[in-house]
Each structure stands twice: as C-alpha cells, then as structure tokens.
Amino acid sequence: MASPPMPITYVFPQGFGFQLTSYGHVTPCTNAGRIFCILYALVGIPLTWLMLSTLAKQINEWIGRALKCCYERFLRRKPTGIGLKTASITLMISIMMILIIALFGCYLEGWRYIDGVYFGFITLTTIGFGDFVPLHPSPSRDPAGYPAHVLIFTIMSIIYFTIGLAIVSSVLLSIRNAMEERSLNGFHMLRETEDD
C-alpha cells in the first residue's frame, strides 16, 4: 500500500504557512497562519454577510418591482402576494444555478450529474463539506494556457459563487418577507397567538 503524498507547504511573509494537502484543500499549518485566519474571519465574515444581505435586498427589490410593473401594465390590476411570488422566483433562480453548476461538474470534472447537484447545493448553502472539490486548472493539462486558465477559473468562481450566495440569501429573505405579508393570514394568526 502506497503512502499518501507529502503535503506541499507554502510559506508567506512573517511565517504565515499554509499547507496544500493532496486533496486540494488549503489550510494554515503554523500558529501565525492560524491566528491570521481567525483575525481575517472576524473581519471577513461580517463584511461578507453585509454584502450578501445587501445584494439579497436589491435582488428582491428588483424582482418585486418587475412583478408590480407586470401586474400594472399587462394585467391591469393591483399586485397581490408579491412576497410569495418573489420567494418562488428566487427559489427557481437558485435551483437553476445549482443545475448549471452540476452541468459544469459533469463536463469539466467528470462527476455524475447528481454529484454536481449535491456539490452545487452544499456549496451555495455554505455547508461545504469539502468531499467534492473542483480540480483547479493543471499545468499538466495545458502548459501553455495554464496561467490564463487559472485566472479565468478564479474570476468565474468568485463571480458565480458570490451571485449564488446572494441568490440563496435572497431566497431566505423573500421567504421571511412573504411570511410577513397580510395575504398569508395563517402566519399572522400564529404570530398573533404567540403574543397573547
């Protein structure tokens, strides 16, 4: 039985060491690196939450405005149940994003389609087990185009997952907003009886 490959260690200035294991996961391997990650997370997590919640509000407002416009211009009636319709639309968008990333997983990674769906759901809901990790562009696949592939892969991943996380946040926000609407009386009746 062969022993696992030795991890590759990258050392950054001031002793911030990060280890790249054979599975493609980057983890801090020095105390300075671990402290840096803690401090970075203390700042980065709230800023990410603020960005995603702001994007989610904007997405819901855009969809709500579009629905109101459609009701008033084409159906010529007062819009009702906008919150529930917004929740449905954002849910459909997030499902489409999961199905699209699953196709990329099949085509680029050689995964089964269900594995791609699983990866998309686990990633966009921030569960992130790490059992499926996309292979980053490899110099052995295309040595000449490697730098360009890394750049494209990184930019596309950041854009896709930022939008995906904002859409999932939008789904949760729109469900909350739908539950607060007067058209969903059942939720209000439950909430009102709890106050008594």
C-alpha atoms as a PDB file:
ATOM      1  CA  MET A   1       0.000   0.000   0.000  1.00  0.00           C
ATOM      2  CA  ALA A   2       1.479   3.328  -1.053  1.00  0.00           C
ATOM      3  CA  SER A   3       1.828   6.108   1.474  1.00  0.00           C
ATOM      4  CA  PRO A   4      -0.082   9.355   0.833  1.00  0.00           C
ATOM      5  CA  PRO A   5       1.841  12.101  -0.926  1.00  0.00           C
ATOM      6  CA  MET A   6       3.597  14.608   1.284  1.00  0.00           C
ATOM      7  CA  PRO A   7       1.757  17.914   1.616  1.00  0.00           C
ATOM      8  CA  ILE A   8       3.213  20.954  -0.094  1.00  0.00           C
ATOM      9  CA  THR A   9       3.841  23.867   2.261  1.00  0.00           C
ATOM     10  CA  TYR A  10       3.673  27.470   1.088  1.00  0.00           C
ATOM     11  CA  VAL A  11       5.316  29.994   3.400  1.00  0.00           C
ATOM     12  CA  PHE A  12       4.167  33.593   3.217  1.00  0.00           C
ATOM     13  CA  PRO A  13       5.989  36.587   4.726  1.00  0.00           C
ATOM     14  CA  GLN A  14       6.165  36.766   8.532  1.00  0.00           C
ATOM     15  CA  GLY A  15       5.845  32.968   8.845  1.00  0.00           C
ATOM     16  CA  PHE A  16       2.263  32.556   7.639  1.00  0.00           C
ATOM     17  CA  GLY A  17       2.485  28.960   6.475  1.00  0.00           C
ATOM     18  CA  PHE A  18      -0.315  27.310   4.534  1.00  0.00           C
ATOM     19  CA  GLN A  19      -0.430  23.653   3.619  1.00  0.00           C
ATOM     20  CA  LEU A  20      -1.887  22.300   0.386  1.00  0.00           C
ATOM     21  CA  THR A  21      -2.876  18.685   1.009  1.00  0.00           C
ATOM     22  CA  SER A  22      -3.227  16.109  -1.729  1.00  0.00           C
ATOM     23  CA  TYR A  23      -6.985  16.792  -1.850  1.00  0.00           C
ATOM     24  CA  GLY A  24      -6.588  20.417  -2.882  1.00  0.00           C
ATOM     25  CA  HIS A  25      -7.605  21.938   0.442  1.00  0.00           C
ATOM     26  CA  VAL A  26      -5.578  24.876   1.704  1.00  0.00           C
ATOM     27  CA  THR A  27      -5.165  25.007   5.476  1.00  0.00           C
ATOM     28  CA  PRO A  28      -2.928  27.020   7.793  1.00  0.00           C
ATOM     29  CA  CYS A  29      -0.109  24.904   9.248  1.00  0.00           C
ATOM     30  CA  THR A  30       1.621  27.411  11.562  1.00  0.00           C
ATOM     31  CA  ASN A  31       0.356  29.238  14.627  1.00  0.00           C
ATOM     32  CA  ALA A  32       0.839  32.590  12.875  1.00  0.00           C
ATOM     33  CA  GLY A  33      -1.184  31.329   9.907  1.00  0.00           C
ATOM     34  CA  ARG A  34      -3.973  30.109  12.184  1.00  0.00           C
ATOM     35  CA  ILE A  35      -4.090  33.408  14.099  1.00  0.00           C
ATOM     36  CA  PHE A  36      -4.173  35.293  10.775  1.00  0.00           C
ATOM     37  CA  CYS A  37      -7.136  33.150   9.637  1.00  0.00           C
ATOM     38  CA  ILE A  38      -9.024  33.849  12.881  1.00  0.00           C
ATOM     39  CA  LEU A  39      -8.470  37.597  12.573  1.00  0.00           C
ATOM     40  CA  TYR A  40      -9.308  37.555   8.879  1.00  0.00           C
ATOM     41  CA  ALA A  41     -12.541  35.643   9.584  1.00  0.00           C
ATOM     42  CA  LEU A  42     -13.520  38.069  12.375  1.00  0.00           C
ATOM     43  CA  VAL A  43     -13.470  40.880   9.813  1.00  0.00           C
ATOM     44  CA  GLY A  44     -14.316  38.934   6.653  1.00  0.00           C
ATOM     45  CA  ILE A  45     -17.416  37.053   7.833  1.00  0.00           C
ATOM     46  CA  PRO A  46     -19.373  40.168   8.943  1.00  0.00           C
ATOM     47  CA  LEU A  47     -18.357  42.030   5.769  1.00  0.00           C
ATOM     48  CA  THR A  48     -19.423  39.077   3.614  1.00  0.00           C
ATOM     49  CA  TRP A  49     -22.733  38.847   5.496  1.00  0.00           C
ATOM     50  CA  LEU A  50     -23.296  42.582   4.981  1.00  0.00           C
ATOM     51  CA  MET A  51     -22.522  42.306   1.252  1.00  0.00           C
ATOM     52  CA  LEU A  52     -24.777  39.261   0.774  1.00  0.00           C
ATOM     53  CA  SER A  53     -27.683  40.742   2.729  1.00  0.00           C
ATOM     54  CA  THR A  54     -27.424  43.995   0.756  1.00  0.00           C
ATOM     55  CA  LEU A  55     -27.352  42.081  -2.539  1.00  0.00           C
ATOM     56  CA  ALA A  56     -30.294  39.934  -1.390  1.00  0.00           C
ATOM     57  CA  LYS A  57     -32.365  43.040  -0.608  1.00  0.00           C
ATOM     58  CA  GLN A  58     -31.525  44.522  -4.018  1.00  0.00           C
ATOM     59  CA  ILE A  59     -32.410  41.303  -5.842  1.00  0.00           C
ATOM     60  CA  ASN A  60     -35.755  41.106  -4.035  1.00  0.00           C
ATOM     61  CA  GLU A  61     -36.490  44.752  -4.765  1.00  0.00           C
ATOM     62  CA  TRP A  62     -35.720  44.297  -8.471  1.00  0.00           C
ATOM     63  CA  ILE A  63     -37.916  41.217  -8.728  1.00  0.00           C
ATOM     64  CA  GLY A  64     -40.682  42.932  -6.728  1.00  0.00           C
ATOM     65  CA  ARG A  65     -40.580  45.987  -8.989  1.00  0.00           C
ATOM     66  CA  ALA A  66     -40.656  43.808 -12.096  1.00  0.00           C
ATOM     67  CA  LEU A  67     -43.670  41.891 -10.767  1.00  0.00           C
ATOM     68  CA  LYS A  68     -45.511  45.098  -9.869  1.00  0.00           C
ATOM     69  CA  CYS A  69     -44.766  46.509 -13.325  1.00  0.00           C
ATOM     70  CA  CYS A  70     -46.088  43.348 -14.995  1.00  0.00           C
ATOM     71  CA  TYR A  71     -49.248  43.414 -12.917  1.00  0.00           C
ATOM     72  CA  GLU A  72     -49.954  47.097 -13.528  1.00  0.00           C
ATOM     73  CA  ARG A  73     -49.011  47.286 -17.218  1.00  0.00           C
ATOM     74  CA  PHE A  74     -50.028  43.925 -18.605  1.00  0.00           C
ATOM     75  CA  LEU A  75     -52.627  42.503 -16.229  1.00  0.00           C
ATOM     76  CA  ARG A  76     -54.048  45.937 -15.328  1.00  0.00           C
ATOM     77  CA  ARG A  77     -54.730  45.077 -11.723  1.00  0.00           C
ATOM     78  CA  LYS A  78     -53.293  45.717  -8.297  1.00  0.00           C
ATOM     79  CA  PRO A  79     -50.427  43.368  -7.438  1.00  0.00           C
ATOM     80  CA  THR A  80     -51.013  40.920  -4.591  1.00  0.00           C
ATOM     81  CA  GLY A  81     -48.778  38.357  -2.945  1.00  0.00           C
ATOM     82  CA  ILE A  82     -45.589  39.949  -4.245  1.00  0.00           C
ATOM     83  CA  GLY A  83     -43.535  38.494  -1.364  1.00  0.00           C
ATOM     84  CA  LEU A  84     -44.618  34.924  -2.079  1.00  0.00           C
ATOM     85  CA  LYS A  85     -44.083  35.350  -5.819  1.00  0.00           C
ATOM     86  CA  THR A  86     -40.630  36.853  -5.195  1.00  0.00           C
ATOM     87  CA  ALA A  87     -39.764  33.879  -2.972  1.00  0.00           C
ATOM     88  CA  SER A  88     -40.865  31.491  -5.730  1.00  0.00           C
ATOM     89  CA  ILE A  89     -38.835  33.289  -8.383  1.00  0.00           C
ATOM     90  CA  THR A  90     -35.667  33.480  -6.271  1.00  0.00           C
ATOM     91  CA  LEU A  91     -36.050  29.793  -5.385  1.00  0.00           C
ATOM     92  CA  MET A  92     -36.327  28.906  -9.091  1.00  0.00           C
ATOM     93  CA  ILE A  93     -33.225  31.006  -9.862  1.00  0.00           C
ATOM     94  CA  SER A  94     -31.220  29.262  -7.136  1.00  0.00           C
ATOM     95  CA  ILE A  95     -32.328  25.824  -8.403  1.00  0.00           C
ATOM     96  CA  MET A  96     -31.267  26.826 -11.927  1.00  0.00           C
ATOM     97  CA  MET A  97     -27.859  27.923 -10.614  1.00  0.00           C
ATOM     98  CA  ILE A  98     -27.404  24.552  -8.880  1.00  0.00           C
ATOM     99  CA  LEU A  99     -28.388  22.691 -12.060  1.00  0.00           C
ATOM    100  CA  ILE A 100     -25.991  24.812 -14.144  1.00  0.00           C
ATOM    101  CA  ILE A 101     -23.028  24.160 -11.821  1.00  0.00           C
ATOM    102  CA  ALA A 102     -23.933  20.462 -11.929  1.00  0.00           C
ATOM    103  CA  LEU A 103     -23.554  20.547 -15.727  1.00  0.00           C
ATOM    104  CA  PHE A 104     -20.120  22.130 -15.374  1.00  0.00           C
ATOM    105  CA  GLY A 105     -19.228  19.453 -12.822  1.00  0.00           C
ATOM    106  CA  CYS A 106     -20.207  16.742 -15.313  1.00  0.00           C
ATOM    107  CA  TYR A 107     -18.419  18.315 -18.249  1.00  0.00           C
ATOM    108  CA  LEU A 108     -15.254  19.703 -16.634  1.00  0.00           C
ATOM    109  CA  GLU A 109     -14.757  17.432 -13.635  1.00  0.00           C
ATOM    110  CA  GLY A 110     -16.197  14.131 -14.882  1.00  0.00           C
ATOM    111  CA  TRP A 111     -18.648  13.931 -11.974  1.00  0.00           C
ATOM    112  CA  ARG A 112     -22.025  12.224 -12.140  1.00  0.00           C
ATOM    113  CA  TYR A 113     -24.857  14.738 -12.522  1.00  0.00           C
ATOM    114  CA  ILE A 114     -26.229  14.003  -9.035  1.00  0.00           C
ATOM    115  CA  ASP A 115     -22.748  14.663  -7.596  1.00  0.00           C
ATOM    116  CA  GLY A 116     -22.739  18.049  -9.344  1.00  0.00           C
ATOM    117  CA  VAL A 117     -26.200  18.868  -7.950  1.00  0.00           C
ATOM    118  CA  TYR A 118     -25.014  17.820  -4.491  1.00  0.00           C
ATOM    119  CA  PHE A 119     -21.856  19.964  -4.845  1.00  0.00           C
ATOM    120  CA  GLY A 120     -23.901  22.973  -6.008  1.00  0.00           C
ATOM    121  CA  PHE A 121     -26.389  22.689  -3.126  1.00  0.00           C
ATOM    122  CA  ILE A 122     -23.743  22.064  -0.461  1.00  0.00           C
ATOM    123  CA  THR A 123     -21.649  24.979  -1.761  1.00  0.00           C
ATOM    124  CA  LEU A 124     -24.425  27.567  -2.244  1.00  0.00           C
ATOM    125  CA  THR A 125     -25.936  26.808   1.168  1.00  0.00           C
ATOM    126  CA  THR A 126     -22.430  27.249   2.695  1.00  0.00           C
ATOM    127  CA  ILE A 127     -22.454  23.776   4.245  1.00  0.00           C
ATOM    128  CA  GLY A 128     -19.252  22.992   2.323  1.00  0.00           C
ATOM    129  CA  PHE A 129     -18.217  19.511   3.438  1.00  0.00           C
ATOM    130  CA  GLY A 130     -15.292  19.509   1.010  1.00  0.00           C
ATOM    131  CA  ASP A 131     -15.969  15.990  -0.224  1.00  0.00           C
ATOM    132  CA  PHE A 132     -16.291  17.337  -3.790  1.00  0.00           C
ATOM    133  CA  VAL A 133     -13.692  19.900  -4.798  1.00  0.00           C
ATOM    134  CA  PRO A 134     -13.365  21.100  -8.392  1.00  0.00           C
ATOM    135  CA  LEU A 135      -9.931  20.441  -9.821  1.00  0.00           C
ATOM    136  CA  HIS A 136      -8.200  23.683 -10.464  1.00  0.00           C
ATOM    137  CA  PRO A 137      -6.574  24.128 -13.853  1.00  0.00           C
ATOM    138  CA  SER A 138      -3.484  21.981 -14.017  1.00  0.00           C
ATOM    139  CA  PRO A 139      -0.198  22.743 -15.786  1.00  0.00           C
ATOM    140  CA  SER A 140      -0.112  19.106 -16.951  1.00  0.00           C
ATOM    141  CA  ARG A 141      -3.382  19.545 -18.899  1.00  0.00           C
ATOM    142  CA  ASP A 142      -2.313  22.618 -20.899  1.00  0.00           C
ATOM    143  CA  PRO A 143       1.122  24.046 -20.001  1.00  0.00           C
ATOM    144  CA  ALA A 144       0.895  26.975 -22.411  1.00  0.00           C
ATOM    145  CA  GLY A 145      -2.561  28.135 -21.333  1.00  0.00           C
ATOM    146  CA  TYR A 146      -2.169  27.380 -17.629  1.00  0.00           C
ATOM    147  CA  PRO A 147      -1.855  30.997 -16.337  1.00  0.00           C
ATOM    148  CA  ALA A 148      -4.875  32.117 -18.360  1.00  0.00           C
ATOM    149  CA  HIS A 149      -6.919  29.115 -17.205  1.00  0.00           C
ATOM    150  CA  VAL A 150      -6.112  29.824 -13.553  1.00  0.00           C
ATOM    151  CA  LEU A 151      -7.130  33.466 -13.965  1.00  0.00           C
ATOM    152  CA  ILE A 152     -10.389  32.616 -15.760  1.00  0.00           C
ATOM    153  CA  PHE A 153     -11.217  29.821 -13.300  1.00  0.00           C
ATOM    154  CA  THR A 154     -10.652  32.099 -10.304  1.00  0.00           C
ATOM    155  CA  ILE A 155     -12.628  35.042 -11.666  1.00  0.00           C
ATOM    156  CA  MET A 156     -15.547  32.883 -12.832  1.00  0.00           C
ATOM    157  CA  SER A 157     -15.658  31.017  -9.490  1.00  0.00           C
ATOM    158  CA  ILE A 158     -15.728  34.247  -7.493  1.00  0.00           C
ATOM    159  CA  ILE A 159     -18.463  35.751  -9.662  1.00  0.00           C
ATOM    160  CA  TYR A 160     -20.590  32.588  -9.762  1.00  0.00           C
ATOM    161  CA  PHE A 161     -20.414  31.833  -6.056  1.00  0.00           C
ATOM    162  CA  THR A 162     -20.926  35.451  -4.986  1.00  0.00           C
ATOM    163  CA  ILE A 163     -24.065  35.678  -7.121  1.00  0.00           C
ATOM    164  CA  GLY A 164     -25.154  32.208  -5.994  1.00  0.00           C
ATOM    165  CA  LEU A 165     -24.762  33.043  -2.312  1.00  0.00           C
ATOM    166  CA  ALA A 166     -26.619  36.328  -2.844  1.00  0.00           C
ATOM    167  CA  ILE A 167     -29.478  34.457  -4.553  1.00  0.00           C
ATOM    168  CA  VAL A 168     -29.694  31.926  -1.706  1.00  0.00           C
ATOM    169  CA  SER A 169     -29.701  34.824   0.792  1.00  0.00           C
ATOM    170  CA  SER A 170     -32.409  36.411  -1.337  1.00  0.00           C
ATOM    171  CA  VAL A 171     -34.493  33.230  -1.130  1.00  0.00           C
ATOM    172  CA  LEU A 172     -34.316  33.251   2.667  1.00  0.00           C
ATOM    173  CA  LEU A 173     -35.082  36.976   2.852  1.00  0.00           C
ATOM    174  CA  SER A 174     -38.010  36.708   0.442  1.00  0.00           C
ATOM    175  CA  ILE A 175     -39.482  33.785   2.413  1.00  0.00           C
ATOM    176  CA  ARG A 176     -39.296  35.915   5.556  1.00  0.00           C
ATOM    177  CA  ASN A 177     -40.908  38.843   3.724  1.00  0.00           C
ATOM    178  CA  ALA A 178     -43.641  36.580   2.333  1.00  0.00           C
ATOM    179  CA  MET A 179     -44.429  35.347   5.835  1.00  0.00           C
ATOM    180  CA  GLU A 180     -44.919  38.956   6.966  1.00  0.00           C
ATOM    181  CA  GLU A 181     -47.420  39.801   4.211  1.00  0.00           C
ATOM    182  CA  ARG A 182     -51.079  40.212   5.088  1.00  0.00           C
ATOM    183  CA  SER A 183     -52.040  37.834   2.281  1.00  0.00           C
ATOM    184  CA  LEU A 184     -50.594  34.932   4.269  1.00  0.00           C
ATOM    185  CA  ASN A 185     -53.031  35.130   7.159  1.00  0.00           C
ATOM    186  CA  GLY A 186     -52.063  31.765   8.628  1.00  0.00           C
ATOM    187  CA  PHE A 187     -48.610  33.023   9.551  1.00  0.00           C
ATOM    188  CA  HIS A 188     -50.021  36.168  11.137  1.00  0.00           C
ATOM    189  CA  MET A 189     -52.551  34.204  13.132  1.00  0.00           C
ATOM    190  CA  LEU A 190     -49.773  32.029  14.539  1.00  0.00           C
ATOM    191  CA  ARG A 191     -47.641  35.045  15.329  1.00  0.00           C
ATOM    192  CA  GLU A 192     -50.544  36.926  16.944  1.00  0.00           C
ATOM    193  CA  THR A 193     -51.494  33.998  19.182  1.00  0.00           C
ATOM    194  CA  GLU A 194     -47.902  33.716  20.419  1.00  0.00           C
ATOM    195  CA  ASP A 195     -48.026  37.354  21.603  1.00  0.00           C
ATOM    196  CA  ASP A 196     -51.045  36.670  23.855  1.00  0.00           C
END
